[in-house]
């Protein structure tokens, strides 16, 4: 792998990892916000409405950063890996269209939800919030099909062999459903733990209990979905499976240890919350959940190095999919890498400041 492709591979992997971290927060917090906005409407519960608004603020901050890193992913794909971008567009048009359509619904729904809060009927506002929350899960429904295909190219293989459009074949990929369920459980669980951590800083025991219920509850579901996805990799993507269990085994072990810690700490915190108190360690559960998400995506992406596409026990190197239209000069590549590192530092600092320091306190709770 030449220098330019290596930088592109690393930059793409870092961008995907950061995008997934913020996406986990925005999808999970969005679902919680929509549910409690509905509960507030149905039960005329003032606390539920204020809590929904606080959870929605988490969504707003994380959606901003998620969108930025999603754009950076597109730049890396178009600039460094034009061949794989072209191939994916030709063969996986339906999953890509589903993801884009979901984004086009979700972003306006977020804006409408925020700016119409208290200005339209509670019922209408609750419906908009549900549209906002549920449309978000269409995004991984599209993009996780792409990940399933680069780990086990079923639809792509059909296209290359026959030249025919594979249509919906990507959703028959045996890796897709285990990966999608694993992802859905992860984002809801992560959103719950992040909300619980922020509510602990606000000293809101009821909010902490709600966040932990989602966080711990969906984390227990991962005890099924995680091993199921891991097993499916062993059957359909053995090269990636072997890398996770050999070269990347230390990272895999750290992730498993972090999951066990999250389960134990989440359980004790939830018991305390049900008793009406806030455990001192709750504020650390959100960052720990995000750490688990980051490790999972590093395993998903980094373990394929130096390959971009896995075909059974063989891999197709990233060089095969590199930009063949032009040679990217190394000074430009180094500038891109420096900008990426600077962006990570700035965005991480800004996200921490927005979520943990100022944002929740400065945005008014009521109109």
Protein backbone atom coordinates (compact mmCIF):
# COMPACT_ATOMS: atom_id res chain seq x y z
CA UNK A 1 0.00 0.00 0.00
CA UNK A 2 1.57 3.30 -1.10
CA UNK A 3 1.77 6.33 1.20
CA UNK A 4 -1.17 8.23 -0.26
CA UNK A 5 -3.49 5.21 -0.13
CA UNK A 6 -2.37 4.45 3.44
CA UNK A 7 -3.21 7.99 4.57
CA UNK A 8 -6.54 7.71 2.77
CA UNK A 9 -7.24 4.36 4.44
CA UNK A 10 -6.40 5.67 7.93
CA UNK A 11 -8.24 8.95 7.35
CA UNK A 12 -11.33 7.13 6.13
CA UNK A 13 -11.23 4.77 9.11
CA UNK A 14 -10.88 7.60 11.65
CA UNK A 15 -13.68 9.56 9.99
CA UNK A 16 -16.03 6.56 10.01
CA UNK A 17 -15.23 5.86 13.67
CA UNK A 18 -15.93 9.45 14.75
CA UNK A 19 -19.07 9.56 12.61
CA UNK A 20 -20.38 6.37 14.24
CA UNK A 21 -19.65 7.72 17.74
CA UNK A 22 -21.77 10.84 17.17
CA UNK A 23 -24.39 8.88 15.22
CA UNK A 24 -24.85 6.55 18.19
CA UNK A 25 -25.60 9.54 20.40
CA UNK A 26 -27.96 11.26 18.00
CA UNK A 27 -30.06 8.17 17.15
CA UNK A 28 -30.32 6.95 20.72
CA UNK A 29 -31.07 10.36 22.23
CA UNK A 30 -33.57 11.07 19.44
CA UNK A 31 -35.58 7.95 20.22
CA UNK A 32 -35.65 8.78 23.94
CA UNK A 33 -36.67 12.38 23.21
CA UNK A 34 -39.52 11.30 20.92
CA UNK A 35 -40.83 8.72 23.39
CA UNK A 36 -40.89 11.14 26.32
CA UNK A 37 -42.37 13.94 24.22
CA UNK A 38 -45.22 11.49 23.46
CA UNK A 39 -45.54 10.54 27.13
CA UNK A 40 -45.69 14.24 28.05
CA UNK A 41 -48.49 14.75 25.53
CA UNK A 42 -50.49 11.67 26.55
CA UNK A 43 -50.11 12.13 30.32
CA UNK A 44 -49.79 15.92 30.50
CA UNK A 45 -46.50 15.29 32.29
CA UNK A 46 -44.45 18.50 32.67
CA UNK A 47 -41.31 16.66 33.80
CA UNK A 48 -41.46 14.34 30.77
CA UNK A 49 -41.60 17.32 28.41
CA UNK A 50 -38.61 19.02 30.05
CA UNK A 51 -36.69 15.73 30.00
CA UNK A 52 -37.56 15.20 26.31
CA UNK A 53 -36.22 18.67 25.57
CA UNK A 54 -32.97 17.96 27.41
CA UNK A 55 -32.52 14.67 25.52
CA UNK A 56 -33.28 16.52 22.29
CA UNK A 57 -30.43 18.94 22.99
CA UNK A 58 -28.05 15.98 23.10
CA UNK A 59 -29.36 15.04 19.65
CA UNK A 60 -28.79 18.57 18.30
CA UNK A 61 -25.15 18.70 19.40
CA UNK A 62 -24.29 15.17 18.24
CA UNK A 63 -26.19 15.55 14.93
CA UNK A 64 -24.02 18.56 14.04
CA UNK A 65 -20.79 16.65 14.57
CA UNK A 66 -22.14 13.47 12.99
CA UNK A 67 -23.06 15.37 9.85
CA UNK A 68 -19.64 16.99 9.57
CA UNK A 69 -17.83 13.67 9.83
CA UNK A 70 -20.25 12.12 7.38
CA UNK A 71 -19.22 14.79 4.88
CA UNK A 72 -15.53 14.11 5.56
CA UNK A 73 -16.14 10.40 4.84
CA UNK A 74 -17.58 11.37 1.45
CA UNK A 75 -14.53 13.52 0.71
CA UNK A 76 -12.13 10.67 1.52
CA UNK A 77 -14.10 8.20 -0.59
CA UNK A 78 -14.34 10.54 -3.58
CA UNK A 79 -10.73 11.74 -3.33
CA UNK A 80 -8.84 8.57 -2.41
CA UNK A 81 -11.10 5.64 -3.38
CA UNK A 82 -13.03 6.66 -6.47
CA UNK A 83 -13.25 3.09 -7.80
CA UNK A 84 -15.06 1.71 -4.75
CA UNK A 85 -17.33 4.78 -4.70
CA UNK A 86 -18.30 4.18 -8.33
CA UNK A 87 -18.82 0.44 -7.78
CA UNK A 88 -20.96 1.01 -4.67
CA UNK A 89 -23.09 3.61 -6.44
CA UNK A 90 -23.73 1.28 -9.38
CA UNK A 91 -24.50 -1.85 -7.38
CA UNK A 92 -25.93 -0.59 -4.09
CA UNK A 93 -28.14 2.20 -5.36
CA UNK A 94 -31.16 1.08 -3.30
CA UNK A 95 -29.38 1.02 0.11
CA UNK A 96 -27.70 4.35 -0.66
CA UNK A 97 -31.05 5.84 -1.71
CA UNK A 98 -32.69 4.62 1.51
CA UNK A 99 -29.94 6.23 3.59
CA UNK A 100 -30.11 9.52 1.68
CA UNK A 101 -33.93 9.62 1.79
CA UNK A 102 -33.80 9.03 5.54
CA UNK A 103 -31.33 11.90 5.97
CA UNK A 104 -33.55 14.17 3.86
CA UNK A 105 -36.51 13.39 6.14
CA UNK A 106 -34.61 13.48 9.42
CA UNK A 107 -32.78 16.81 9.13
CA UNK A 108 -35.88 18.93 8.36
CA UNK A 109 -37.78 16.99 11.05
CA UNK A 110 -35.10 17.93 13.60
CA UNK A 111 -35.44 21.61 12.69
CA UNK A 112 -39.24 21.47 12.72
CA UNK A 113 -39.23 19.67 16.08
CA UNK A 114 -37.04 22.31 17.69
CA UNK A 115 -38.58 25.46 16.26
CA UNK A 116 -42.22 24.38 16.66
CA UNK A 117 -41.88 23.21 20.26
CA UNK A 118 -44.68 24.94 22.15
CA UNK A 119 -45.97 26.61 18.96
CA UNK A 120 -48.12 23.80 17.53
CA UNK A 121 -50.43 21.29 19.21
CA UNK A 122 -48.66 18.72 21.44
CA UNK A 123 -50.13 15.89 19.36
CA UNK A 124 -48.82 17.29 16.07
CA UNK A 125 -45.45 18.01 17.64
CA UNK A 126 -45.23 14.48 19.02
CA UNK A 127 -45.90 13.04 15.56
CA UNK A 128 -43.13 15.18 14.06
CA UNK A 129 -40.78 13.96 16.80
CA UNK A 130 -41.59 10.33 16.01
CA UNK A 131 -40.90 10.97 12.31
CA UNK A 132 -37.59 12.54 13.29
CA UNK A 133 -36.60 9.65 15.56
CA UNK A 134 -37.67 6.71 13.40
CA UNK A 135 -36.32 8.13 10.13
CA UNK A 136 -32.89 8.11 11.75
CA UNK A 137 -32.84 4.32 11.81
CA UNK A 138 -33.26 4.29 8.03
CA UNK A 139 -29.74 5.73 7.76
CA UNK A 140 -27.91 2.68 9.13
CA UNK A 141 -30.47 0.50 7.33
CA UNK A 142 -28.91 1.85 4.15
CA UNK A 143 -25.27 2.25 5.10
CA UNK A 144 -24.89 -0.98 7.08
CA UNK A 145 -25.91 -2.84 3.91
CA UNK A 146 -22.80 -1.33 2.32
CA UNK A 147 -20.61 -2.55 5.20
CA UNK A 148 -22.14 -6.01 4.91
CA UNK A 149 -21.29 -6.02 1.19
CA UNK A 150 -17.64 -5.02 1.61
CA UNK A 151 -17.30 -7.82 4.18
CA UNK A 152 -19.19 -10.37 2.06
CA UNK A 153 -19.86 -9.00 -1.47
CA UNK A 154 -23.02 -10.87 -2.44
CA UNK A 155 -24.87 -8.17 -4.42
CA UNK A 156 -21.60 -6.77 -5.77
CA UNK A 157 -20.48 -10.26 -6.82
CA UNK A 158 -23.77 -10.80 -8.66
CA UNK A 159 -23.32 -7.49 -10.49
CA UNK A 160 -19.72 -8.26 -11.49
CA UNK A 161 -20.63 -11.74 -12.73
CA UNK A 162 -23.83 -10.90 -14.62
CA UNK A 163 -23.76 -7.14 -15.23
CA UNK A 164 -27.37 -7.03 -14.00
CA UNK A 165 -28.65 -4.67 -11.34
CA UNK A 166 -28.81 -6.58 -8.02
CA UNK A 167 -31.81 -4.54 -6.80
CA UNK A 168 -32.66 -5.46 -3.21
CA UNK A 169 -30.14 -8.31 -3.06
CA UNK A 170 -27.97 -6.48 -0.52
CA UNK A 171 -30.71 -7.07 2.05
CA UNK A 172 -30.38 -10.80 1.50
CA UNK A 173 -26.73 -10.58 2.55
CA UNK A 174 -26.32 -12.95 5.52
CA UNK A 175 -24.19 -10.38 7.37
CA UNK A 176 -26.65 -7.50 7.04
CA UNK A 177 -29.34 -8.34 9.57
CA UNK A 178 -26.98 -9.36 12.36
CA UNK A 179 -24.94 -6.18 11.78
CA UNK A 180 -28.03 -3.96 11.62
CA UNK A 181 -29.58 -5.38 14.82
CA UNK A 182 -26.21 -5.11 16.54
CA UNK A 183 -26.01 -1.46 15.43
CA UNK A 184 -29.58 -0.54 16.47
CA UNK A 185 -29.12 -2.01 19.95
CA UNK A 186 -25.74 -0.26 20.27
CA UNK A 187 -26.99 3.21 19.35
CA UNK A 188 -30.03 3.07 21.63
CA UNK A 189 -27.92 1.75 24.51
CA UNK A 190 -25.23 4.41 23.95
CA UNK A 191 -27.80 7.19 23.73
CA UNK A 192 -29.31 6.00 27.00
CA UNK A 193 -25.99 5.97 28.83
CA UNK A 194 -25.04 9.42 27.49
CA UNK A 195 -28.39 10.85 28.57
CA UNK A 196 -28.00 9.23 32.01
CA UNK A 197 -24.54 10.77 32.42
CA UNK A 198 -25.79 14.24 31.53
CA UNK A 199 -28.82 13.91 33.78
CA UNK A 200 -26.45 12.93 36.62
CA UNK A 201 -24.66 16.24 36.12
CA UNK A 202 -28.06 17.93 36.28
CA UNK A 203 -28.84 15.95 39.47
CA UNK A 204 -32.07 14.60 37.99
CA UNK A 205 -32.60 11.08 39.45
CA UNK A 206 -35.67 10.36 37.34
CA UNK A 207 -33.81 11.33 34.17
CA UNK A 208 -30.88 9.15 35.22
CA UNK A 209 -33.25 6.21 35.72
CA UNK A 210 -34.77 6.64 32.27
CA UNK A 211 -31.37 6.88 30.58
CA UNK A 212 -30.05 3.83 32.42
CA UNK A 213 -33.17 1.83 31.57
CA UNK A 214 -32.46 2.33 27.87
CA UNK A 215 -28.69 2.03 28.26
CA UNK A 216 -28.56 -1.11 30.37
CA UNK A 217 -31.64 -2.70 28.80
CA UNK A 218 -30.32 -2.53 25.24
CA UNK A 219 -26.83 -3.46 26.39
CA UNK A 220 -28.22 -6.78 27.61
CA UNK A 221 -29.70 -7.27 24.13
CA UNK A 222 -26.14 -6.95 22.83
CA UNK A 223 -25.32 -10.15 24.71
CA UNK A 224 -27.30 -11.81 21.88
CA UNK A 225 -26.66 -9.56 18.89
CA UNK A 226 -22.91 -9.09 19.46
CA UNK A 227 -21.97 -12.79 19.53
CA UNK A 228 -24.42 -13.46 16.69
CA UNK A 229 -22.64 -10.91 14.46
CA UNK A 230 -19.23 -12.20 15.54
CA UNK A 231 -20.28 -15.76 14.65
CA UNK A 232 -21.65 -14.66 11.25
CA UNK A 233 -18.29 -13.06 10.45
CA UNK A 234 -16.63 -16.40 11.14
CA UNK A 235 -18.93 -18.08 8.62
CA UNK A 236 -19.16 -15.48 5.85
CA UNK A 237 -16.07 -13.26 6.29
CA UNK A 238 -13.38 -15.55 7.75
CA UNK A 239 -10.46 -13.26 6.86
CA UNK A 240 -11.92 -10.40 8.91
CA UNK A 241 -12.89 -12.83 11.68
CA UNK A 242 -9.34 -14.19 11.85
CA UNK A 243 -7.86 -10.68 12.00
CA UNK A 244 -10.17 -9.71 14.89
CA UNK A 245 -9.18 -12.87 16.77
CA UNK A 246 -5.43 -12.62 16.13
CA UNK A 247 -3.80 -9.33 15.17
CA UNK A 248 -6.56 -7.23 16.71
CA UNK A 249 -7.20 -9.55 19.64
CA UNK A 250 -5.83 -7.06 22.24
CA UNK A 251 -8.35 -4.42 21.06
CA UNK A 252 -11.11 -7.04 21.01
CA UNK A 253 -10.21 -8.06 24.57
CA UNK A 254 -10.28 -4.44 25.75
CA UNK A 255 -13.70 -4.00 24.15
CA UNK A 256 -15.08 -7.10 25.87
CA UNK A 257 -13.66 -5.92 29.20
CA UNK A 258 -15.25 -2.50 28.68
CA UNK A 259 -18.62 -4.14 27.91
CA UNK A 260 -18.41 -6.23 31.09
CA UNK A 261 -17.54 -3.11 33.10
CA UNK A 262 -20.43 -1.23 31.49
CA UNK A 263 -22.82 -4.06 32.35
CA UNK A 264 -21.69 -4.23 35.98
CA UNK A 265 -21.60 -0.47 36.54
CA UNK A 266 -24.84 0.04 34.63
CA UNK A 267 -26.61 -2.58 36.73
CA UNK A 268 -25.50 -1.08 40.06
CA UNK A 269 -26.35 2.43 38.84
CA UNK A 270 -29.81 1.35 37.69
CA UNK A 271 -30.52 -0.28 41.06
CA UNK A 272 -29.51 2.93 42.81
CA UNK A 273 -31.65 5.01 40.42
CA UNK A 274 -34.71 2.85 41.08
CA UNK A 275 -34.15 3.52 44.79
CA UNK A 276 -34.19 7.26 44.07
CA UNK A 277 -30.46 8.01 44.28
CA UNK A 278 -27.72 8.75 41.74
CA UNK A 279 -24.64 6.51 41.88
CA UNK A 280 -21.39 8.54 41.75
CA UNK A 281 -20.11 6.63 38.71
CA UNK A 282 -23.12 7.35 36.47
CA UNK A 283 -21.40 10.36 34.88
CA UNK A 284 -18.69 8.06 33.53
CA UNK A 285 -21.05 5.57 31.86
CA UNK A 286 -21.71 7.75 28.79
CA UNK A 287 -17.99 8.14 27.94
CA UNK A 288 -17.45 4.43 28.62
CA UNK A 289 -20.29 3.51 26.23
CA UNK A 290 -18.80 5.78 23.55
CA UNK A 291 -15.41 4.12 24.13
CA UNK A 292 -17.03 0.73 23.44
CA UNK A 293 -18.58 2.08 20.23
CA UNK A 294 -15.20 3.43 19.09
CA UNK A 295 -13.46 0.10 19.73
CA UNK A 296 -16.17 -1.78 17.86
CA UNK A 297 -15.80 0.40 14.79
CA UNK A 298 -11.99 0.16 14.92
CA UNK A 299 -12.38 -3.62 14.81
CA UNK A 300 -14.88 -3.39 11.94
CA UNK A 301 -12.68 -1.10 9.87
CA UNK A 302 -9.08 -1.50 10.99
CA UNK A 303 -9.06 -5.30 11.08
CA UNK A 304 -9.49 -5.40 7.30
CA UNK A 305 -6.09 -3.66 6.72
CA UNK A 306 -4.57 -3.66 4.11
CA UNK A 307 -7.76 -4.73 2.34
CA UNK A 308 -10.81 -2.67 1.58
CA UNK A 309 -13.09 -5.54 0.50
CA UNK A 310 -13.14 -9.02 2.03
CA UNK A 311 -14.04 -12.02 -0.12
CA UNK A 312 -14.20 -15.08 2.08
CA UNK A 313 -10.67 -15.91 3.23
CA UNK A 314 -9.13 -13.49 0.73
CA UNK A 315 -8.99 -9.73 0.59
CA UNK A 316 -8.90 -7.09 -2.14
CA UNK A 317 -6.20 -4.52 -1.24
CA UNK A 318 -7.16 -0.86 -0.90
CA UNK A 319 -4.72 -0.02 -3.74
CA UNK A 320 -7.10 -1.71 -6.21
CA UNK A 321 -9.77 0.88 -5.41
CA UNK A 322 -7.52 3.93 -5.21
CA UNK A 323 -7.98 7.07 -7.28
CA UNK A 324 -6.80 6.09 -10.76
CA UNK A 325 -7.69 9.45 -12.33
CA UNK A 326 -4.76 11.33 -10.79
CA UNK A 327 -1.78 10.88 -8.48
CA UNK A 328 -2.34 12.81 -5.27
CA UNK A 329 0.95 14.55 -4.36
CA UNK A 330 2.32 13.64 -0.93
CA UNK A 331 2.52 17.27 0.32
CA UNK A 332 -1.23 17.52 -0.27
CA UNK A 333 -1.75 14.17 1.46
CA UNK A 334 0.27 15.32 4.49
CA UNK A 335 -1.76 18.53 4.66
CA UNK A 336 -4.97 16.49 4.61
CA UNK A 337 -3.67 14.25 7.40
CA UNK A 338 -2.62 17.27 9.52
CA UNK A 339 -6.02 18.87 8.98
CA UNK A 340 -7.74 15.62 10.00
CA UNK A 341 -5.76 15.38 13.26
CA UNK A 342 -6.45 19.04 14.04
CA UNK A 343 -10.15 18.52 13.28
CA UNK A 344 -10.34 15.56 15.64
CA UNK A 345 -8.85 17.61 18.48
CA UNK A 346 -11.08 20.63 17.82
CA UNK A 347 -14.29 18.66 17.32
CA UNK A 348 -13.72 16.44 20.36
CA UNK A 349 -13.04 19.47 22.54
CA UNK A 350 -16.07 21.31 21.17
CA UNK A 351 -18.33 18.30 21.69
CA UNK A 352 -17.17 17.91 25.29
CA UNK A 353 -17.70 21.61 25.97
CA UNK A 354 -21.15 21.59 24.35
CA UNK A 355 -22.43 18.49 26.11
CA UNK A 356 -20.77 18.60 29.52
CA UNK A 357 -20.05 22.24 30.23
CA UNK A 358 -22.33 24.87 28.77
CA UNK A 359 -24.94 23.71 26.33
CA UNK A 360 -27.48 22.17 28.68
CA UNK A 361 -27.35 25.12 31.07
CA UNK A 362 -27.57 27.90 28.51
CA UNK A 363 -30.44 26.78 26.27
CA UNK A 364 -33.77 27.74 27.88
CA UNK A 365 -36.08 24.88 28.82
CA UNK A 366 -39.35 26.67 28.04
CA UNK A 367 -40.58 29.09 25.40
